N, C-alpha and C. Protein backbone atom coordinates (compact mmCIF):
# COMPACT_ATOMS: atom_id res chain seq x y z
N UNK A 1 -19.88 -24.54 -15.16
CA UNK A 1 -20.93 -25.38 -15.67
C UNK A 1 -21.37 -24.82 -17.03
N UNK A 2 -21.53 -25.69 -18.01
CA UNK A 2 -21.92 -25.25 -19.35
C UNK A 2 -23.40 -24.87 -19.39
N UNK A 3 -23.76 -24.08 -20.38
CA UNK A 3 -25.17 -23.69 -20.52
C UNK A 3 -26.04 -24.92 -20.75
N UNK A 4 -25.50 -25.93 -21.41
CA UNK A 4 -26.25 -27.16 -21.63
C UNK A 4 -26.56 -27.84 -20.30
N UNK A 5 -25.59 -27.89 -19.41
CA UNK A 5 -25.81 -28.51 -18.10
C UNK A 5 -26.84 -27.75 -17.28
N UNK A 6 -26.78 -26.42 -17.33
CA UNK A 6 -27.76 -25.60 -16.60
C UNK A 6 -29.16 -25.85 -17.16
N UNK A 7 -29.28 -25.86 -18.48
CA UNK A 7 -30.60 -26.09 -19.09
C UNK A 7 -31.13 -27.47 -18.73
N UNK A 8 -30.26 -28.48 -18.75
CA UNK A 8 -30.71 -29.83 -18.42
C UNK A 8 -31.12 -29.93 -16.96
N UNK A 9 -30.35 -29.31 -16.08
CA UNK A 9 -30.66 -29.34 -14.65
C UNK A 9 -31.99 -28.65 -14.36
N UNK A 10 -32.22 -27.50 -14.99
CA UNK A 10 -33.41 -26.72 -14.71
C UNK A 10 -34.65 -27.19 -15.47
N UNK A 11 -34.48 -27.89 -16.58
CA UNK A 11 -35.62 -28.22 -17.45
C UNK A 11 -35.53 -29.65 -17.96
N UNK A 12 -35.24 -30.61 -17.11
CA UNK A 12 -35.03 -31.98 -17.55
C UNK A 12 -36.16 -32.49 -18.43
N UNK A 13 -37.39 -32.26 -18.03
CA UNK A 13 -38.54 -32.80 -18.77
C UNK A 13 -38.68 -32.18 -20.15
N UNK A 14 -38.31 -30.92 -20.27
CA UNK A 14 -38.48 -30.20 -21.53
C UNK A 14 -37.14 -29.77 -22.12
N UNK A 15 -36.12 -30.54 -21.87
CA UNK A 15 -34.76 -30.15 -22.25
C UNK A 15 -34.63 -29.81 -23.73
N UNK A 16 -35.11 -30.69 -24.61
CA UNK A 16 -34.98 -30.44 -26.04
C UNK A 16 -35.74 -29.19 -26.46
N UNK A 17 -36.95 -29.02 -25.96
CA UNK A 17 -37.73 -27.82 -26.29
C UNK A 17 -37.02 -26.55 -25.83
N UNK A 18 -36.47 -26.58 -24.63
CA UNK A 18 -35.76 -25.41 -24.10
C UNK A 18 -34.49 -25.12 -24.89
N UNK A 19 -33.77 -26.16 -25.28
CA UNK A 19 -32.58 -25.96 -26.11
C UNK A 19 -32.95 -25.31 -27.44
N UNK A 20 -34.00 -25.79 -28.06
CA UNK A 20 -34.44 -25.22 -29.33
C UNK A 20 -34.77 -23.75 -29.16
N UNK A 21 -35.51 -23.41 -28.12
CA UNK A 21 -35.88 -22.01 -27.89
C UNK A 21 -34.65 -21.13 -27.67
N UNK A 22 -33.67 -21.65 -26.93
CA UNK A 22 -32.50 -20.86 -26.58
C UNK A 22 -31.46 -20.78 -27.70
N UNK A 23 -31.33 -21.83 -28.50
CA UNK A 23 -30.20 -21.92 -29.42
C UNK A 23 -30.50 -21.63 -30.88
N UNK A 24 -31.66 -22.05 -31.38
CA UNK A 24 -31.97 -21.88 -32.80
C UNK A 24 -31.99 -20.39 -33.14
N UNK A 25 -31.28 -20.05 -34.20
CA UNK A 25 -31.20 -18.66 -34.64
C UNK A 25 -30.00 -17.90 -34.10
N UNK A 26 -29.33 -18.45 -33.11
CA UNK A 26 -28.15 -17.79 -32.54
C UNK A 26 -26.93 -17.98 -33.45
N UNK A 27 -26.01 -17.05 -33.33
CA UNK A 27 -24.73 -17.11 -34.04
C UNK A 27 -23.67 -17.51 -33.01
N UNK A 28 -22.86 -18.51 -33.36
CA UNK A 28 -21.79 -18.96 -32.46
C UNK A 28 -20.46 -18.86 -33.19
N UNK A 29 -19.39 -18.74 -32.42
CA UNK A 29 -18.04 -18.74 -32.99
C UNK A 29 -17.34 -19.99 -32.47
N UNK A 30 -16.64 -20.67 -33.36
CA UNK A 30 -15.95 -21.90 -32.98
C UNK A 30 -14.51 -21.62 -32.62
N UNK A 31 -14.01 -22.35 -31.65
CA UNK A 31 -12.62 -22.19 -31.21
C UNK A 31 -11.63 -22.75 -32.22
N UNK A 32 -12.03 -23.79 -32.94
CA UNK A 32 -11.07 -24.46 -33.80
C UNK A 32 -10.73 -23.69 -35.06
N UNK A 33 -11.61 -22.76 -35.53
CA UNK A 33 -11.27 -22.00 -36.73
C UNK A 33 -11.72 -20.53 -36.67
N UNK A 34 -12.25 -20.12 -35.52
CA UNK A 34 -12.69 -18.73 -35.32
C UNK A 34 -13.70 -18.24 -36.36
N UNK A 35 -14.51 -19.15 -36.88
CA UNK A 35 -15.56 -18.76 -37.82
C UNK A 35 -16.88 -18.72 -37.08
N UNK A 36 -17.81 -17.94 -37.62
CA UNK A 36 -19.14 -17.87 -37.02
C UNK A 36 -20.12 -18.72 -37.82
N UNK A 37 -21.07 -19.30 -37.11
CA UNK A 37 -22.10 -20.14 -37.71
C UNK A 37 -23.44 -19.81 -37.06
N UNK A 38 -24.49 -19.86 -37.84
CA UNK A 38 -25.85 -19.67 -37.33
C UNK A 38 -26.43 -21.05 -37.06
N UNK A 39 -27.02 -21.24 -35.89
CA UNK A 39 -27.63 -22.52 -35.54
C UNK A 39 -29.02 -22.55 -36.16
N UNK A 40 -29.22 -23.46 -37.13
CA UNK A 40 -30.51 -23.60 -37.80
C UNK A 40 -31.30 -24.79 -37.28
N UNK A 41 -30.60 -25.79 -36.79
CA UNK A 41 -31.29 -26.98 -36.29
C UNK A 41 -30.35 -27.74 -35.35
N UNK A 42 -30.93 -28.68 -34.63
CA UNK A 42 -30.16 -29.54 -33.73
C UNK A 42 -30.46 -30.98 -34.12
N UNK A 43 -29.43 -31.75 -34.38
CA UNK A 43 -29.58 -33.15 -34.77
C UNK A 43 -29.52 -34.01 -33.51
N UNK A 44 -30.66 -34.25 -32.89
CA UNK A 44 -30.72 -34.96 -31.62
C UNK A 44 -30.30 -36.41 -31.73
N UNK A 45 -30.39 -36.98 -32.93
CA UNK A 45 -30.05 -38.40 -33.10
C UNK A 45 -28.57 -38.62 -33.42
N UNK A 46 -27.78 -37.57 -33.48
CA UNK A 46 -26.35 -37.68 -33.78
C UNK A 46 -25.54 -37.76 -32.49
N UNK A 47 -24.36 -38.39 -32.60
CA UNK A 47 -23.42 -38.43 -31.48
C UNK A 47 -22.03 -38.08 -32.01
N UNK A 48 -21.09 -37.78 -31.13
CA UNK A 48 -19.73 -37.46 -31.58
C UNK A 48 -19.05 -38.60 -32.34
N UNK A 49 -19.55 -39.82 -32.18
CA UNK A 49 -18.96 -40.97 -32.87
C UNK A 49 -19.56 -41.21 -34.25
N UNK A 50 -20.61 -40.48 -34.62
CA UNK A 50 -21.19 -40.61 -35.96
C UNK A 50 -20.20 -40.11 -37.00
N UNK A 51 -20.33 -40.64 -38.22
CA UNK A 51 -19.42 -40.26 -39.29
C UNK A 51 -20.11 -39.38 -40.32
N UNK A 52 -19.29 -38.66 -41.08
CA UNK A 52 -19.77 -37.88 -42.21
C UNK A 52 -18.67 -37.86 -43.26
N UNK A 53 -19.03 -37.45 -44.47
CA UNK A 53 -18.10 -37.46 -45.59
C UNK A 53 -17.44 -36.09 -45.76
N UNK A 54 -16.12 -36.10 -45.83
CA UNK A 54 -15.36 -34.87 -46.07
C UNK A 54 -15.41 -34.52 -47.56
N UNK A 55 -14.97 -33.32 -47.90
CA UNK A 55 -14.98 -32.87 -49.29
C UNK A 55 -14.15 -33.77 -50.21
N UNK A 56 -13.12 -34.43 -49.66
CA UNK A 56 -12.29 -35.31 -50.49
C UNK A 56 -12.86 -36.72 -50.62
N UNK A 57 -14.04 -36.96 -50.01
CA UNK A 57 -14.71 -38.25 -50.12
C UNK A 57 -14.43 -39.23 -49.00
N UNK A 58 -13.51 -38.91 -48.10
CA UNK A 58 -13.21 -39.81 -46.98
C UNK A 58 -14.23 -39.62 -45.86
N UNK A 59 -14.39 -40.67 -45.08
CA UNK A 59 -15.29 -40.65 -43.93
C UNK A 59 -14.51 -40.32 -42.67
N UNK A 60 -15.12 -39.56 -41.78
CA UNK A 60 -14.50 -39.26 -40.48
C UNK A 60 -15.59 -39.09 -39.44
N UNK A 61 -15.23 -39.23 -38.18
CA UNK A 61 -16.19 -38.98 -37.11
C UNK A 61 -16.10 -37.51 -36.70
N UNK A 62 -17.12 -37.04 -36.00
CA UNK A 62 -17.07 -35.68 -35.48
C UNK A 62 -15.91 -35.52 -34.50
N UNK A 63 -15.63 -36.54 -33.71
CA UNK A 63 -14.52 -36.50 -32.75
C UNK A 63 -13.20 -36.29 -33.48
N UNK A 64 -12.97 -37.08 -34.53
CA UNK A 64 -11.73 -36.95 -35.30
C UNK A 64 -11.63 -35.59 -35.98
N UNK A 65 -12.72 -35.13 -36.53
CA UNK A 65 -12.72 -33.87 -37.27
C UNK A 65 -12.39 -32.68 -36.39
N UNK A 66 -12.92 -32.65 -35.17
CA UNK A 66 -12.73 -31.49 -34.30
C UNK A 66 -11.50 -31.57 -33.41
N UNK A 67 -10.65 -32.58 -33.58
CA UNK A 67 -9.40 -32.67 -32.80
C UNK A 67 -8.45 -31.60 -33.18
């Protein structure tokens, strides 16, 4: 079970607040490029199907980017 699932199960009413307390400021390493990133914020209104612009100007979804 992922940490997100545990947090949601244990703190459904305050899920976002608990996630912020647990995650903001932490350093994570990604599997896709083995780089570390510091979590500064959580974009609650975003989904994996949302798009963003790549450095070359093309649009892609988070799903496509992380494949």
